[in-house]
Amino acid sequence: MNEGVEKIKAVLAAAFSLHMTYDKAKADGKIDVADLGLIIDPVMKLPPAVQAVTDGSALKELKDLTSEEREALHTWAKGAYDIADDKLEATIESALGLGLHLAQFLGKALG
């Protein structure tokens, strides 16, 4: 995978990190003040993700996505993040795959 997908990865990492933090926080059956430390990782991932969206660099990467980059992103996401609910994880992985295919198609169709 080349540098052409780093902005997309930043956006995905922020989203997945937020969900995984939620999973960890509710693991004991409640979300409370003791879980505040968990929020540090997702908060640190937000600035580069927001920047990639607001400056359009993530969209540019999506438009230029190759088949190899699409597959590498999908593989990276499946390996890097583990969501406690296996059914939800499978749904997210399918949606991500579909979204990456759609982005690649639109990037080519709209030039």
C-alpha atoms as a PDB file:
ATOM      1  CA  MET A   1       0.000   0.000   0.000  1.00  0.00           C
ATOM      2  CA  ASN A   2       1.453   3.380  -0.887  1.00  0.00           C
ATOM      3  CA  GLU A   3       1.003   6.795   0.641  1.00  0.00           C
ATOM      4  CA  GLY A   4      -2.125   7.233  -1.462  1.00  0.00           C
ATOM      5  CA  VAL A   5      -4.398   5.878   1.265  1.00  0.00           C
ATOM      6  CA  GLU A   6      -3.035   7.402   4.468  1.00  0.00           C
ATOM      7  CA  LYS A   7      -5.803  10.022   4.713  1.00  0.00           C
ATOM      8  CA  ILE A   8      -8.497   7.389   4.220  1.00  0.00           C
ATOM      9  CA  LYS A   9      -6.843   5.288   6.924  1.00  0.00           C
ATOM     10  CA  ALA A  10      -6.857   8.298   9.275  1.00  0.00           C
ATOM     11  CA  VAL A  11     -10.609   8.738   8.820  1.00  0.00           C
ATOM     12  CA  LEU A  12     -11.335   5.020   9.251  1.00  0.00           C
ATOM     13  CA  ALA A  13      -9.007   4.753  12.257  1.00  0.00           C
ATOM     14  CA  ALA A  14     -10.842   7.558  14.040  1.00  0.00           C
ATOM     15  CA  ALA A  15     -14.246   6.000  13.403  1.00  0.00           C
ATOM     16  CA  PHE A  16     -13.194   2.491  14.396  1.00  0.00           C
ATOM     17  CA  SER A  17     -11.339   3.756  17.460  1.00  0.00           C
ATOM     18  CA  LEU A  18     -14.469   5.528  18.704  1.00  0.00           C
ATOM     19  CA  HIS A  19     -16.507   2.358  18.397  1.00  0.00           C
ATOM     20  CA  MET A  20     -13.864   0.185  20.034  1.00  0.00           C
ATOM     21  CA  THR A  21     -13.666   2.651  22.930  1.00  0.00           C
ATOM     22  CA  TYR A  22     -17.414   2.319  23.368  1.00  0.00           C
ATOM     23  CA  ASP A  23     -17.081  -1.495  23.367  1.00  0.00           C
ATOM     24  CA  LYS A  24     -14.346  -1.367  26.014  1.00  0.00           C
ATOM     25  CA  ALA A  25     -16.258   1.116  28.158  1.00  0.00           C
ATOM     26  CA  LYS A  26     -19.445  -0.954  28.234  1.00  0.00           C
ATOM     27  CA  ALA A  27     -17.621  -4.265  28.813  1.00  0.00           C
ATOM     28  CA  ASP A  28     -18.354  -4.077  32.552  1.00  0.00           C
ATOM     29  CA  GLY A  29     -22.034  -3.336  31.903  1.00  0.00           C
ATOM     30  CA  LYS A  30     -21.853   0.398  32.513  1.00  0.00           C
ATOM     31  CA  ILE A  31     -20.174   3.503  31.179  1.00  0.00           C
ATOM     32  CA  ASP A  32     -18.925   5.854  33.870  1.00  0.00           C
ATOM     33  CA  VAL A  33     -16.129   8.218  34.930  1.00  0.00           C
ATOM     34  CA  ALA A  34     -13.712   5.300  35.230  1.00  0.00           C
ATOM     35  CA  ASP A  35     -13.893   4.944  31.449  1.00  0.00           C
ATOM     36  CA  LEU A  36     -12.649   8.472  30.713  1.00  0.00           C
ATOM     37  CA  GLY A  37      -9.089   7.243  30.143  1.00  0.00           C
ATOM     38  CA  LEU A  38     -10.290   5.171  27.214  1.00  0.00           C
ATOM     39  CA  ILE A  39     -11.262   8.253  25.239  1.00  0.00           C
ATOM     40  CA  ILE A  40      -7.656   9.457  24.811  1.00  0.00           C
ATOM     41  CA  ASP A  41      -6.884   7.230  21.809  1.00  0.00           C
ATOM     42  CA  PRO A  42      -9.922   8.206  19.731  1.00  0.00           C
ATOM     43  CA  VAL A  43      -9.532  11.882  20.617  1.00  0.00           C
ATOM     44  CA  MET A  44      -5.919  11.800  19.402  1.00  0.00           C
ATOM     45  CA  LYS A  45      -7.077  10.267  16.107  1.00  0.00           C
ATOM     46  CA  LEU A  46      -9.720  12.933  15.447  1.00  0.00           C
ATOM     47  CA  PRO A  47      -7.564  15.917  14.344  1.00  0.00           C
ATOM     48  CA  PRO A  48      -5.896  14.154  11.382  1.00  0.00           C
ATOM     49  CA  ALA A  49      -9.230  12.593  10.397  1.00  0.00           C
ATOM     50  CA  VAL A  50     -11.083  15.912  10.516  1.00  0.00           C
ATOM     51  CA  GLN A  51      -8.249  17.583   8.591  1.00  0.00           C
ATOM     52  CA  ALA A  52      -8.346  14.862   5.902  1.00  0.00           C
ATOM     53  CA  VAL A  53     -12.080  15.374   5.463  1.00  0.00           C
ATOM     54  CA  THR A  54     -12.141  19.174   5.594  1.00  0.00           C
ATOM     55  CA  ASP A  55      -9.205  19.721   3.231  1.00  0.00           C
ATOM     56  CA  GLY A  56     -10.564  17.168   0.756  1.00  0.00           C
ATOM     57  CA  SER A  57      -7.465  14.957   0.801  1.00  0.00           C
ATOM     58  CA  ALA A  58      -9.383  11.839   1.881  1.00  0.00           C
ATOM     59  CA  LEU A  59     -11.893  12.392  -0.929  1.00  0.00           C
ATOM     60  CA  LYS A  60      -9.063  12.821  -3.436  1.00  0.00           C
ATOM     61  CA  GLU A  61      -7.554   9.528  -2.265  1.00  0.00           C
ATOM     62  CA  LEU A  62     -10.932   7.838  -2.633  1.00  0.00           C
ATOM     63  CA  LYS A  63     -11.260   9.128  -6.177  1.00  0.00           C
ATOM     64  CA  ASP A  64      -7.788   7.804  -7.053  1.00  0.00           C
ATOM     65  CA  LEU A  65      -8.227   4.446  -5.300  1.00  0.00           C
ATOM     66  CA  THR A  66      -6.793   1.465  -7.158  1.00  0.00           C
ATOM     67  CA  SER A  67      -8.015  -2.113  -6.770  1.00  0.00           C
ATOM     68  CA  GLU A  68      -4.834  -2.986  -4.869  1.00  0.00           C
ATOM     69  CA  GLU A  69      -5.268  -0.035  -2.486  1.00  0.00           C
ATOM     70  CA  ARG A  70      -8.937  -0.923  -1.960  1.00  0.00           C
ATOM     71  CA  GLU A  71      -8.065  -4.503  -1.047  1.00  0.00           C
ATOM     72  CA  ALA A  72      -5.178  -3.380   1.171  1.00  0.00           C
ATOM     73  CA  LEU A  73      -7.442  -0.940   3.038  1.00  0.00           C
ATOM     74  CA  HIS A  74     -10.091  -3.587   3.563  1.00  0.00           C
ATOM     75  CA  THR A  75      -7.498  -6.070   4.831  1.00  0.00           C
ATOM     76  CA  TRP A  76      -5.930  -3.432   7.092  1.00  0.00           C
ATOM     77  CA  ALA A  77      -9.277  -2.516   8.637  1.00  0.00           C
ATOM     78  CA  LYS A  78     -10.264  -6.146   9.234  1.00  0.00           C
ATOM     79  CA  GLY A  79      -6.926  -6.851  10.924  1.00  0.00           C
ATOM     80  CA  ALA A  80      -6.484  -3.628  12.869  1.00  0.00           C
ATOM     81  CA  TYR A  81      -9.876  -3.416  14.553  1.00  0.00           C
ATOM     82  CA  ASP A  82     -11.867  -6.022  16.421  1.00  0.00           C
ATOM     83  CA  ILE A  83     -15.426  -5.180  17.366  1.00  0.00           C
ATOM     84  CA  ALA A  84     -16.884  -7.246  20.202  1.00  0.00           C
ATOM     85  CA  ASP A  85     -20.182  -7.910  18.427  1.00  0.00           C
ATOM     86  CA  ASP A  86     -19.216 -10.338  15.646  1.00  0.00           C
ATOM     87  CA  LYS A  87     -22.439  -9.780  13.709  1.00  0.00           C
ATOM     88  CA  LEU A  88     -21.923  -6.007  13.774  1.00  0.00           C
ATOM     89  CA  GLU A  89     -18.269  -6.460  12.823  1.00  0.00           C
ATOM     90  CA  ALA A  90     -19.229  -8.570   9.794  1.00  0.00           C
ATOM     91  CA  THR A  91     -21.791  -5.940   8.768  1.00  0.00           C
ATOM     92  CA  ILE A  92     -19.234  -3.146   9.094  1.00  0.00           C
ATOM     93  CA  GLU A  93     -16.642  -5.112   7.118  1.00  0.00           C
ATOM     94  CA  SER A  94     -19.182  -5.735   4.355  1.00  0.00           C
ATOM     95  CA  ALA A  95     -20.241  -2.087   4.331  1.00  0.00           C
ATOM     96  CA  LEU A  96     -16.619  -0.963   4.211  1.00  0.00           C
ATOM     97  CA  GLY A  97     -15.918  -3.268   1.287  1.00  0.00           C
ATOM     98  CA  LEU A  98     -18.995  -2.011  -0.541  1.00  0.00           C
ATOM     99  CA  GLY A  99     -18.111   1.602   0.228  1.00  0.00           C
ATOM    100  CA  LEU A 100     -14.571   1.184  -1.083  1.00  0.00           C
ATOM    101  CA  HIS A 101     -15.864  -0.465  -4.272  1.00  0.00           C
ATOM    102  CA  LEU A 102     -18.365   2.360  -4.723  1.00  0.00           C
ATOM    103  CA  ALA A 103     -15.695   5.009  -4.143  1.00  0.00           C
ATOM    104  CA  GLN A 104     -13.445   3.374  -6.699  1.00  0.00           C
ATOM    105  CA  PHE A 105     -16.307   3.165  -9.223  1.00  0.00           C
ATOM    106  CA  LEU A 106     -17.372   6.792  -8.703  1.00  0.00           C
ATOM    107  CA  GLY A 107     -13.786   7.989  -8.891  1.00  0.00           C
ATOM    108  CA  LYS A 108     -13.445   6.400 -12.309  1.00  0.00           C
ATOM    109  CA  ALA A 109     -16.918   7.345 -13.520  1.00  0.00           C
ATOM    110  CA  LEU A 110     -16.701  10.981 -12.465  1.00  0.00           C
ATOM    111  CA  GLY A 111     -13.010  11.338 -13.284  1.00  0.00           C
END
